[in-house]
Amino acid sequence: MNNLVRLKSLVLPIAILLGLLLHKWCAYAQFLIPYFIFTILLMSYSAVDVSKLKPSKMDLWLVLFQIFFSVGPYLLLKWLGVHEIIAQGVLITVLCPVAASSVVIACMLGAGRERVTTYTIIGNLMVSIVAPIVFSLIGTHQDMGFLNAFLLIFRKIFFVIALPFILAITGQRWMPRVNSFICRIKETSFYLWALTLTITLGQTFHYIFLHGRENALSIIILGSTSVVICAIQFATGKKIGEIYGDRMAGGQLLGQKNAAMGVWMANTFLLPLASFGIALYSIWQNLFNSWQMLKHNN
């Protein structure tokens, strides 16, 4: 295993360690995350063959699973009398959109770039439509209405997901030299992703340190359920992906979540404590991704 491959295998545990040690500074730097992800996606989209970006049956099954596996368990938990914080924590952990940066690790693990890109766009657009409907029925700001909630969520998704895609397609068509240059340096997106991951995990740890002491029981329950949800989503995604010829893509697209977006949605539309579910989920998904990378590179 050469040094670069070894570095890529170790970046996740290193990011977790640095995020834990530097969590206060990471919290101050969180405003940089959307710009980093924007740059990562611009590099990735510039190398995509647009003609191959076609929705497939796999995308449909991933969308359906994400909708029904989020709303269904929420209703079941409410019927069983489980506390609203836990029910909402489960809801947001599943409904949270696929991480925009999932394309980086998915492609490193052998997934098809075009397939990952297609669902990254579809999945985020789906959440921007479905989430406001759900939040208007069960959230803490039910008076906000669908349109206002939709615009609030879509505005965040548009900058990170849609705008780099539009710019990449524009570059491919009208600025081929610029696009060619971006494609040549796209490998640097890995290092930018590593930095983004460190800040994101540091932000998660900082949030837990700030609000965790007085909510220990809820955190333990949400942490335990998020481990189970993480395992179910990766396993189900891999199974769906295997049926349609890309097992790794299916696993990453269903299992790898945009935790920062999920925490924001929970704090904005739901009970803030519910955000611990997706916050802790981000740790489990990155531990699993670290194991996957070690296994893939050996």
C-alpha atoms as a PDB file:
ATOM      1  CA  MET A   1       0.000   0.000   0.000  1.00  0.00           C
ATOM      2  CA  ASN A   2       1.623   3.293  -1.067  1.00  0.00           C
ATOM      3  CA  ASN A   3       1.715   6.367   1.162  1.00  0.00           C
ATOM      4  CA  LEU A   4      -1.223   8.128  -0.530  1.00  0.00           C
ATOM      5  CA  VAL A   5      -3.469   5.085  -0.206  1.00  0.00           C
ATOM      6  CA  ARG A   6      -2.427   4.693   3.438  1.00  0.00           C
ATOM      7  CA  LEU A   7      -3.249   8.366   4.073  1.00  0.00           C
ATOM      8  CA  LYS A   8      -6.681   7.980   2.514  1.00  0.00           C
ATOM      9  CA  SER A   9      -7.356   4.978   4.727  1.00  0.00           C
ATOM     10  CA  LEU A  10      -6.405   6.868   7.895  1.00  0.00           C
ATOM     11  CA  VAL A  11      -8.002  10.239   7.179  1.00  0.00           C
ATOM     12  CA  LEU A  12     -11.333   9.366   8.789  1.00  0.00           C
ATOM     13  CA  PRO A  13     -10.011   8.268  12.193  1.00  0.00           C
ATOM     14  CA  ILE A  14      -7.568  11.206  12.137  1.00  0.00           C
ATOM     15  CA  ALA A  15     -10.455  13.582  11.380  1.00  0.00           C
ATOM     16  CA  ILE A  16     -12.457  12.142  14.285  1.00  0.00           C
ATOM     17  CA  LEU A  17      -9.496  12.592  16.648  1.00  0.00           C
ATOM     18  CA  LEU A  18      -8.723  16.136  15.486  1.00  0.00           C
ATOM     19  CA  GLY A  19     -12.412  17.062  15.598  1.00  0.00           C
ATOM     20  CA  LEU A  20     -12.563  15.868  19.207  1.00  0.00           C
ATOM     21  CA  LEU A  21      -9.389  17.692  20.262  1.00  0.00           C
ATOM     22  CA  LEU A  22     -10.100  20.908  18.357  1.00  0.00           C
ATOM     23  CA  HIS A  23     -13.879  21.009  18.671  1.00  0.00           C
ATOM     24  CA  LYS A  24     -14.012  24.630  19.898  1.00  0.00           C
ATOM     25  CA  TRP A  25     -12.027  25.915  16.923  1.00  0.00           C
ATOM     26  CA  CYS A  26     -14.008  23.693  14.545  1.00  0.00           C
ATOM     27  CA  ALA A  27     -17.226  25.281  15.812  1.00  0.00           C
ATOM     28  CA  TYR A  28     -15.873  28.723  14.875  1.00  0.00           C
ATOM     29  CA  ALA A  29     -14.923  27.464  11.395  1.00  0.00           C
ATOM     30  CA  GLN A  30     -18.268  25.829  10.592  1.00  0.00           C
ATOM     31  CA  PHE A  31     -19.286  28.738   8.339  1.00  0.00           C
ATOM     32  CA  LEU A  32     -16.630  27.520   5.858  1.00  0.00           C
ATOM     33  CA  ILE A  33     -18.278  24.127   5.308  1.00  0.00           C
ATOM     34  CA  PRO A  34     -20.779  25.167   2.546  1.00  0.00           C
ATOM     35  CA  TYR A  35     -17.960  26.816   0.576  1.00  0.00           C
ATOM     36  CA  PHE A  36     -15.718  23.747   0.897  1.00  0.00           C
ATOM     37  CA  ILE A  37     -18.509  21.411  -0.218  1.00  0.00           C
ATOM     38  CA  PHE A  38     -19.336  23.771  -3.086  1.00  0.00           C
ATOM     39  CA  THR A  39     -15.716  23.529  -4.290  1.00  0.00           C
ATOM     40  CA  ILE A  40     -15.596  19.742  -3.847  1.00  0.00           C
ATOM     41  CA  LEU A  41     -18.745  19.279  -5.905  1.00  0.00           C
ATOM     42  CA  LEU A  42     -17.603  21.691  -8.603  1.00  0.00           C
ATOM     43  CA  MET A  43     -14.450  19.572  -9.040  1.00  0.00           C
ATOM     44  CA  SER A  44     -16.453  16.354  -9.084  1.00  0.00           C
ATOM     45  CA  TYR A  45     -19.200  17.579 -11.405  1.00  0.00           C
ATOM     46  CA  SER A  46     -16.647  18.950 -13.875  1.00  0.00           C
ATOM     47  CA  ALA A  47     -15.480  15.364 -14.520  1.00  0.00           C
ATOM     48  CA  VAL A  48     -19.008  13.975 -14.968  1.00  0.00           C
ATOM     49  CA  ASP A  49     -20.346  12.870 -18.330  1.00  0.00           C
ATOM     50  CA  VAL A  50     -23.688  14.694 -18.332  1.00  0.00           C
ATOM     51  CA  SER A  51     -25.155  12.346 -20.940  1.00  0.00           C
ATOM     52  CA  LYS A  52     -24.918   9.526 -18.388  1.00  0.00           C
ATOM     53  CA  LEU A  53     -26.856  11.351 -15.680  1.00  0.00           C
ATOM     54  CA  LYS A  54     -30.097   9.415 -15.982  1.00  0.00           C
ATOM     55  CA  PRO A  55     -32.473   8.556 -13.131  1.00  0.00           C
ATOM     56  CA  SER A  56     -32.835   4.828 -12.585  1.00  0.00           C
ATOM     57  CA  LYS A  57     -35.045   2.429 -10.650  1.00  0.00           C
ATOM     58  CA  MET A  58     -32.366   2.356  -7.966  1.00  0.00           C
ATOM     59  CA  ASP A  59     -32.923   6.079  -7.372  1.00  0.00           C
ATOM     60  CA  LEU A  60     -36.663   5.478  -7.010  1.00  0.00           C
ATOM     61  CA  TRP A  61     -36.192   2.731  -4.403  1.00  0.00           C
ATOM     62  CA  LEU A  62     -33.718   4.840  -2.434  1.00  0.00           C
ATOM     63  CA  VAL A  63     -36.159   7.771  -2.391  1.00  0.00           C
ATOM     64  CA  LEU A  64     -39.092   5.567  -1.336  1.00  0.00           C
ATOM     65  CA  PHE A  65     -37.064   3.937   1.424  1.00  0.00           C
ATOM     66  CA  GLN A  66     -35.922   7.288   2.758  1.00  0.00           C
ATOM     67  CA  ILE A  67     -39.490   8.656   2.859  1.00  0.00           C
ATOM     68  CA  PHE A  68     -41.291   5.655   4.319  1.00  0.00           C
ATOM     69  CA  PHE A  69     -38.514   4.569   6.698  1.00  0.00           C
ATOM     70  CA  SER A  70     -38.465   8.065   8.206  1.00  0.00           C
ATOM     71  CA  VAL A  71     -42.188   8.775   8.518  1.00  0.00           C
ATOM     72  CA  GLY A  72     -43.254   5.166   9.279  1.00  0.00           C
ATOM     73  CA  PRO A  73     -41.069   4.623  12.385  1.00  0.00           C
ATOM     74  CA  TYR A  74     -41.934   8.124  13.628  1.00  0.00           C
ATOM     75  CA  LEU A  75     -45.659   7.297  13.548  1.00  0.00           C
ATOM     76  CA  LEU A  76     -45.019   3.887  15.112  1.00  0.00           C
ATOM     77  CA  LEU A  77     -42.960   5.357  17.950  1.00  0.00           C
ATOM     78  CA  LYS A  78     -45.632   7.981  18.615  1.00  0.00           C
ATOM     79  CA  TRP A  79     -48.306   5.262  18.694  1.00  0.00           C
ATOM     80  CA  LEU A  80     -46.191   3.319  21.194  1.00  0.00           C
ATOM     81  CA  GLY A  81     -45.979   6.393  23.410  1.00  0.00           C
ATOM     82  CA  VAL A  82     -42.260   7.048  22.914  1.00  0.00           C
ATOM     83  CA  HIS A  83     -41.119  10.577  23.794  1.00  0.00           C
ATOM     84  CA  GLU A  84     -41.368  13.110  20.961  1.00  0.00           C
ATOM     85  CA  ILE A  85     -37.637  13.882  21.111  1.00  0.00           C
ATOM     86  CA  ILE A  86     -36.732  10.263  20.343  1.00  0.00           C
ATOM     87  CA  ALA A  87     -39.368   9.941  17.607  1.00  0.00           C
ATOM     88  CA  GLN A  88     -38.211  13.146  15.920  1.00  0.00           C
ATOM     89  CA  GLY A  89     -34.578  12.093  16.311  1.00  0.00           C
ATOM     90  CA  VAL A  90     -35.294   8.902  14.381  1.00  0.00           C
ATOM     91  CA  LEU A  91     -37.232  10.861  11.755  1.00  0.00           C
ATOM     92  CA  ILE A  92     -34.500  13.391  11.020  1.00  0.00           C
ATOM     93  CA  THR A  93     -31.736  10.761  11.055  1.00  0.00           C
ATOM     94  CA  VAL A  94     -33.382   8.980   8.120  1.00  0.00           C
ATOM     95  CA  LEU A  95     -34.923  11.944   6.287  1.00  0.00           C
ATOM     96  CA  CYS A  96     -31.645  13.892   6.380  1.00  0.00           C
ATOM     97  CA  PRO A  97     -30.388  14.267   2.772  1.00  0.00           C
ATOM     98  CA  VAL A  98     -27.441  12.391   1.336  1.00  0.00           C
ATOM     99  CA  ALA A  99     -24.128  14.151   1.979  1.00  0.00           C
ATOM    100  CA  ALA A 100     -23.025  16.213  -0.992  1.00  0.00           C
ATOM    101  CA  SER A 101     -19.454  15.072  -0.351  1.00  0.00           C
ATOM    102  CA  SER A 102     -20.498  11.396  -0.521  1.00  0.00           C
ATOM    103  CA  VAL A 103     -19.322  11.449  -4.123  1.00  0.00           C
ATOM    104  CA  VAL A 104     -15.715  11.658  -2.871  1.00  0.00           C
ATOM    105  CA  ILE A 105     -15.689   8.555  -0.710  1.00  0.00           C
ATOM    106  CA  ALA A 106     -18.143   6.632  -2.911  1.00  0.00           C
ATOM    107  CA  CYS A 107     -15.876   7.024  -5.944  1.00  0.00           C
ATOM    108  CA  MET A 108     -12.821   6.110  -3.858  1.00  0.00           C
ATOM    109  CA  LEU A 109     -14.640   2.897  -2.944  1.00  0.00           C
ATOM    110  CA  GLY A 110     -15.372   2.121  -6.597  1.00  0.00           C
ATOM    111  CA  ALA A 111     -18.873   3.539  -7.120  1.00  0.00           C
ATOM    112  CA  GLY A 112     -19.871   5.059 -10.450  1.00  0.00           C
ATOM    113  CA  ARG A 113     -19.424   8.833 -10.435  1.00  0.00           C
ATOM    114  CA  GLU A 114     -22.439   9.506 -12.661  1.00  0.00           C
ATOM    115  CA  ARG A 115     -24.726   7.262 -10.602  1.00  0.00           C
ATOM    116  CA  VAL A 116     -23.666   8.912  -7.332  1.00  0.00           C
ATOM    117  CA  THR A 117     -24.032  12.386  -8.804  1.00  0.00           C
ATOM    118  CA  THR A 118     -27.517  11.625 -10.133  1.00  0.00           C
ATOM    119  CA  TYR A 119     -28.908  10.552  -6.781  1.00  0.00           C
ATOM    120  CA  THR A 120     -27.103  13.312  -4.887  1.00  0.00           C
ATOM    121  CA  ILE A 121     -29.168  15.776  -6.919  1.00  0.00           C
ATOM    122  CA  ILE A 122     -32.409  13.754  -6.818  1.00  0.00           C
ATOM    123  CA  GLY A 123     -32.136  12.908  -3.125  1.00  0.00           C
ATOM    124  CA  ASN A 124     -31.526  16.490  -2.031  1.00  0.00           C
ATOM    125  CA  LEU A 125     -34.374  17.814  -4.181  1.00  0.00           C
ATOM    126  CA  MET A 126     -36.658  15.142  -2.722  1.00  0.00           C
ATOM    127  CA  VAL A 127     -35.831  16.240   0.823  1.00  0.00           C
ATOM    128  CA  SER A 128     -36.434  19.883  -0.056  1.00  0.00           C
ATOM    129  CA  ILE A 129     -39.996  18.927  -1.069  1.00  0.00           C
ATOM    130  CA  VAL A 130     -40.874  16.177   1.423  1.00  0.00           C
ATOM    131  CA  ALA A 131     -39.308  17.708   4.547  1.00  0.00           C
ATOM    132  CA  PRO A 132     -41.443  20.906   4.536  1.00  0.00           C
ATOM    133  CA  ILE A 133     -44.600  18.764   4.218  1.00  0.00           C
ATOM    134  CA  VAL A 134     -43.567  16.611   7.178  1.00  0.00           C
ATOM    135  CA  PHE A 135     -42.405  19.547   9.281  1.00  0.00           C
ATOM    136  CA  SER A 136     -45.631  21.470   8.646  1.00  0.00           C
ATOM    137  CA  LEU A 137     -47.539  18.558  10.191  1.00  0.00           C
ATOM    138  CA  ILE A 138     -45.343  17.630  13.158  1.00  0.00           C
ATOM    139  CA  GLY A 139     -42.750  20.378  13.637  1.00  0.00           C
ATOM    140  CA  THR A 140     -42.529  23.175  16.177  1.00  0.00           C
ATOM    141  CA  HIS A 141     -43.190  25.801  13.464  1.00  0.00           C
ATOM    142  CA  GLN A 142     -46.332  24.364  11.901  1.00  0.00           C
ATOM    143  CA  ASP A 143     -47.580  27.894  11.251  1.00  0.00           C
ATOM    144  CA  MET A 144     -44.668  28.521   8.873  1.00  0.00           C
ATOM    145  CA  GLY A 145     -46.419  26.771   5.990  1.00  0.00           C
ATOM    146  CA  PHE A 146     -45.083  24.589   3.212  1.00  0.00           C
ATOM    147  CA  LEU A 147     -43.886  27.335   0.860  1.00  0.00           C
ATOM    148  CA  ASN A 148     -41.811  29.212   3.429  1.00  0.00           C
ATOM    149  CA  ALA A 149     -40.276  25.997   4.763  1.00  0.00           C
ATOM    150  CA  PHE A 150     -39.584  24.797   1.221  1.00  0.00           C
ATOM    151  CA  LEU A 151     -37.835  28.031   0.248  1.00  0.00           C
ATOM    152  CA  LEU A 152     -35.799  27.998   3.465  1.00  0.00           C
ATOM    153  CA  ILE A 153     -34.529  24.454   2.864  1.00  0.00           C
ATOM    154  CA  PHE A 154     -34.176  24.785  -0.913  1.00  0.00           C
ATOM    155  CA  ARG A 155     -32.071  27.926  -0.558  1.00  0.00           C
ATOM    156  CA  LYS A 156     -29.481  26.000   1.451  1.00  0.00           C
ATOM    157  CA  ILE A 157     -29.555  23.011  -0.915  1.00  0.00           C
ATOM    158  CA  PHE A 158     -29.384  25.150  -4.066  1.00  0.00           C
ATOM    159  CA  PHE A 159     -26.079  26.786  -3.196  1.00  0.00           C
ATOM    160  CA  VAL A 160     -24.353  23.563  -2.210  1.00  0.00           C
ATOM    161  CA  ILE A 161     -25.839  21.127  -4.767  1.00  0.00           C
ATOM    162  CA  ALA A 162     -27.399  22.892  -7.747  1.00  0.00           C
ATOM    163  CA  LEU A 163     -25.121  25.893  -8.272  1.00  0.00           C
ATOM    164  CA  PRO A 164     -21.836  23.923  -8.636  1.00  0.00           C
ATOM    165  CA  PHE A 165     -23.632  21.568 -11.032  1.00  0.00           C
ATOM    166  CA  ILE A 166     -24.845  24.487 -13.174  1.00  0.00           C
ATOM    167  CA  LEU A 167     -21.363  26.040 -13.202  1.00  0.00           C
ATOM    168  CA  ALA A 168     -19.726  22.706 -14.077  1.00  0.00           C
ATOM    169  CA  ILE A 169     -22.088  22.130 -17.018  1.00  0.00           C
ATOM    170  CA  THR A 170     -21.508  25.710 -18.166  1.00  0.00           C
ATOM    171  CA  GLY A 171     -17.755  25.157 -17.995  1.00  0.00           C
ATOM    172  CA  GLN A 172     -17.945  21.917 -19.981  1.00  0.00           C
ATOM    173  CA  ARG A 173     -19.887  23.589 -22.749  1.00  0.00           C
ATOM    174  CA  TRP A 174     -18.480  27.114 -23.011  1.00  0.00           C
ATOM    175  CA  MET A 175     -15.182  27.138 -21.072  1.00  0.00           C
ATOM    176  CA  PRO A 176     -13.446  23.839 -21.917  1.00  0.00           C
ATOM    177  CA  ARG A 177      -9.984  25.040 -20.848  1.00  0.00           C
ATOM    178  CA  VAL A 178     -11.226  26.045 -17.416  1.00  0.00           C
ATOM    179  CA  ASN A 179     -13.096  22.755 -17.119  1.00  0.00           C
ATOM    180  CA  SER A 180     -10.002  20.820 -18.173  1.00  0.00           C
ATOM    181  CA  PHE A 181      -7.933  22.574 -15.500  1.00  0.00           C
ATOM    182  CA  ILE A 182     -10.512  21.770 -12.807  1.00  0.00           C
ATOM    183  CA  CYS A 183     -10.517  18.113 -13.892  1.00  0.00           C
ATOM    184  CA  ARG A 184      -6.722  17.969 -13.590  1.00  0.00           C
ATOM    185  CA  ILE A 185      -6.778  19.170  -9.987  1.00  0.00           C
ATOM    186  CA  LYS A 186      -9.889  17.242  -8.903  1.00  0.00           C
ATOM    187  CA  GLU A 187      -7.773  14.877  -6.776  1.00  0.00           C
ATOM    188  CA  THR A 188      -7.180  17.765  -4.392  1.00  0.00           C
ATOM    189  CA  SER A 189     -10.870  17.521  -3.477  1.00  0.00           C
ATOM    190  CA  PHE A 190      -9.870  14.609  -1.223  1.00  0.00           C
ATOM    191  CA  TYR A 191      -7.780  16.886   1.014  1.00  0.00           C
ATOM    192  CA  LEU A 192     -10.480  19.543   1.036  1.00  0.00           C
ATOM    193  CA  TRP A 193     -13.003  16.859   1.985  1.00  0.00           C
ATOM    194  CA  ALA A 194     -10.716  15.708   4.835  1.00  0.00           C
ATOM    195  CA  LEU A 195     -10.636  19.270   6.188  1.00  0.00           C
ATOM    196  CA  THR A 196     -14.414  19.589   5.811  1.00  0.00           C
ATOM    197  CA  LEU A 197     -14.892  16.309   7.641  1.00  0.00           C
ATOM    198  CA  THR A 198     -12.694  17.428  10.537  1.00  0.00           C
ATOM    199  CA  ILE A 199     -14.651  20.661  10.965  1.00  0.00           C
ATOM    200  CA  THR A 200     -18.000  18.855  10.698  1.00  0.00           C
ATOM    201  CA  LEU A 201     -17.073  16.252  13.300  1.00  0.00           C
ATOM    202  CA  GLY A 202     -15.563  18.924  15.540  1.00  0.00           C
ATOM    203  CA  GLN A 203     -18.812  20.857  15.322  1.00  0.00           C
ATOM    204  CA  THR A 204     -20.692  17.681  16.304  1.00  0.00           C
ATOM    205  CA  PHE A 205     -18.481  17.076  19.343  1.00  0.00           C
ATOM    206  CA  HIS A 206     -18.754  20.711  20.390  1.00  0.00           C
ATOM    207  CA  TYR A 207     -22.543  20.565  20.189  1.00  0.00           C
ATOM    208  CA  ILE A 208     -22.579  17.441  22.369  1.00  0.00           C
ATOM    209  CA  PHE A 209     -20.231  19.009  24.946  1.00  0.00           C
ATOM    210  CA  LEU A 210     -22.367  22.155  25.134  1.00  0.00           C
ATOM    211  CA  HIS A 211     -25.789  20.536  25.462  1.00  0.00           C
ATOM    212  CA  GLY A 212     -25.148  16.936  26.412  1.00  0.00           C
ATOM    213  CA  ARG A 213     -24.634  16.993  30.157  1.00  0.00           C
ATOM    214  CA  GLU A 214     -28.200  17.898  31.075  1.00  0.00           C
ATOM    215  CA  ASN A 215     -29.696  15.570  28.438  1.00  0.00           C
ATOM    216  CA  ALA A 216     -27.621  12.449  29.005  1.00  0.00           C
ATOM    217  CA  LEU A 217     -30.491   9.932  28.837  1.00  0.00           C
ATOM    218  CA  SER A 218     -31.865  11.302  25.570  1.00  0.00           C
ATOM    219  CA  ILE A 219     -28.361  11.300  24.078  1.00  0.00           C
ATOM    220  CA  ILE A 220     -27.759   7.675  25.092  1.00  0.00           C
ATOM    221  CA  ILE A 221     -31.072   6.576  23.558  1.00  0.00           C
ATOM    222  CA  LEU A 222     -30.573   8.603  20.370  1.00  0.00           C
ATOM    223  CA  GLY A 223     -26.981   7.405  20.111  1.00  0.00           C
ATOM    224  CA  SER A 224     -28.084   3.774  20.391  1.00  0.00           C
ATOM    225  CA  THR A 225     -30.885   4.151  17.845  1.00  0.00           C
ATOM    226  CA  SER A 226     -28.619   6.038  15.437  1.00  0.00           C
ATOM    227  CA  VAL A 227     -26.177   3.099  15.424  1.00  0.00           C
ATOM    228  CA  VAL A 228     -29.010   0.750  14.458  1.00  0.00           C
ATOM    229  CA  ILE A 229     -30.327   3.169  11.817  1.00  0.00           C
ATOM    230  CA  CYS A 230     -26.820   3.571  10.387  1.00  0.00           C
ATOM    231  CA  ALA A 231     -26.442  -0.201  10.021  1.00  0.00           C
ATOM    232  CA  ILE A 232     -29.896  -0.580   8.453  1.00  0.00           C
ATOM    233  CA  GLN A 233     -29.386   2.220   5.940  1.00  0.00           C
ATOM    234  CA  PHE A 234     -25.966   1.118   4.745  1.00  0.00           C
ATOM    235  CA  ALA A 235     -27.075  -2.528   4.525  1.00  0.00           C
ATOM    236  CA  THR A 236     -30.328  -1.703   2.717  1.00  0.00           C
ATOM    237  CA  GLY A 237     -28.580   0.703   0.352  1.00  0.00           C
ATOM    238  CA  LYS A 238     -25.972  -1.905  -0.530  1.00  0.00           C
ATOM    239  CA  LYS A 239     -28.705  -4.475  -1.165  1.00  0.00           C
ATOM    240  CA  ILE A 240     -30.625  -2.104  -3.446  1.00  0.00           C
ATOM    241  CA  GLY A 241     -27.399  -1.075  -5.195  1.00  0.00           C
ATOM    242  CA  GLU A 242     -26.414  -4.720  -5.709  1.00  0.00           C
ATOM    243  CA  ILE A 243     -29.695  -5.380  -7.510  1.00  0.00           C
ATOM    244  CA  TYR A 244     -28.990  -2.521  -9.924  1.00  0.00           C
ATOM    245  CA  GLY A 245     -25.285  -3.126 -10.456  1.00  0.00           C
ATOM    246  CA  ASP A 246     -23.574  -0.706  -8.068  1.00  0.00           C
ATOM    247  CA  ARG A 247     -23.556  -2.041  -4.513  1.00  0.00           C
ATOM    248  CA  MET A 248     -21.169   0.588  -3.160  1.00  0.00           C
ATOM    249  CA  ALA A 249     -23.119   3.500  -4.623  1.00  0.00           C
ATOM    250  CA  GLY A 250     -26.355   2.271  -3.073  1.00  0.00           C
ATOM    251  CA  GLY A 251     -24.764   1.926   0.354  1.00  0.00           C
ATOM    252  CA  GLN A 252     -23.166   5.362   0.376  1.00  0.00           C
ATOM    253  CA  LEU A 253     -26.167   7.164  -1.073  1.00  0.00           C
ATOM    254  CA  LEU A 254     -28.538   5.801   1.538  1.00  0.00           C
ATOM    255  CA  GLY A 255     -26.116   5.615   4.453  1.00  0.00           C
ATOM    256  CA  GLN A 256     -23.938   8.721   4.190  1.00  0.00           C
ATOM    257  CA  LYS A 257     -25.823  11.755   5.476  1.00  0.00           C
ATOM    258  CA  ASN A 258     -25.336  15.514   5.419  1.00  0.00           C
ATOM    259  CA  ALA A 259     -25.214  15.739   9.220  1.00  0.00           C
ATOM    260  CA  ALA A 260     -24.741  19.518   9.277  1.00  0.00           C
ATOM    261  CA  MET A 261     -27.916  19.942   7.215  1.00  0.00           C
ATOM    262  CA  GLY A 262     -29.763  17.478   9.453  1.00  0.00           C
ATOM    263  CA  VAL A 263     -28.763  19.300  12.636  1.00  0.00           C
ATOM    264  CA  TRP A 264     -29.859  22.599  11.100  1.00  0.00           C
ATOM    265  CA  MET A 265     -33.249  21.182  10.045  1.00  0.00           C
ATOM    266  CA  ALA A 266     -33.861  19.699  13.491  1.00  0.00           C
ATOM    267  CA  ASN A 267     -32.920  22.949  15.256  1.00  0.00           C
ATOM    268  CA  THR A 268     -35.054  25.011  12.864  1.00  0.00           C
ATOM    269  CA  PHE A 269     -38.212  22.922  12.481  1.00  0.00           C
ATOM    270  CA  LEU A 270     -38.218  20.258  15.223  1.00  0.00           C
ATOM    271  CA  LEU A 271     -37.310  19.945  18.898  1.00  0.00           C
ATOM    272  CA  PRO A 272     -33.623  20.963  19.063  1.00  0.00           C
ATOM    273  CA  LEU A 273     -32.670  17.924  21.169  1.00  0.00           C
ATOM    274  CA  ALA A 274     -33.760  15.678  18.292  1.00  0.00           C
ATOM    275  CA  SER A 275     -30.652  16.865  16.438  1.00  0.00           C
ATOM    276  CA  PHE A 276     -28.485  14.665  18.676  1.00  0.00           C
ATOM    277  CA  GLY A 277     -29.643  11.670  16.636  1.00  0.00           C
ATOM    278  CA  ILE A 278     -28.144  12.877  13.355  1.00  0.00           C
ATOM    279  CA  ALA A 279     -25.171  14.467  15.133  1.00  0.00           C
ATOM    280  CA  LEU A 280     -24.160  11.116  16.638  1.00  0.00           C
ATOM    281  CA  TYR A 281     -25.010   9.370  13.368  1.00  0.00           C
ATOM    282  CA  SER A 282     -22.254  11.361  11.677  1.00  0.00           C
ATOM    283  CA  ILE A 283     -19.697   9.718  13.981  1.00  0.00           C
ATOM    284  CA  TRP A 284     -20.944   6.174  13.300  1.00  0.00           C
ATOM    285  CA  GLN A 285     -21.104   6.686   9.516  1.00  0.00           C
ATOM    286  CA  ASN A 286     -17.543   7.966   9.425  1.00  0.00           C
ATOM    287  CA  LEU A 287     -16.249   5.113  11.564  1.00  0.00           C
ATOM    288  CA  PHE A 288     -17.929   2.702   9.150  1.00  0.00           C
ATOM    289  CA  ASN A 289     -16.526   4.568   6.147  1.00  0.00           C
ATOM    290  CA  SER A 290     -13.058   4.352   7.683  1.00  0.00           C
ATOM    291  CA  TRP A 291     -13.423   0.582   8.002  1.00  0.00           C
ATOM    292  CA  GLN A 292     -14.672   0.351   4.416  1.00  0.00           C
ATOM    293  CA  MET A 293     -11.682   2.280   3.110  1.00  0.00           C
ATOM    294  CA  LEU A 294      -9.212   0.132   5.037  1.00  0.00           C
ATOM    295  CA  LYS A 295     -10.869  -3.009   3.715  1.00  0.00           C
ATOM    296  CA  HIS A 296     -11.027  -1.647   0.151  1.00  0.00           C
ATOM    297  CA  ASN A 297      -7.326  -0.654   0.105  1.00  0.00           C
ATOM    298  CA  ASN A 298      -5.994  -3.917   1.562  1.00  0.00           C
END
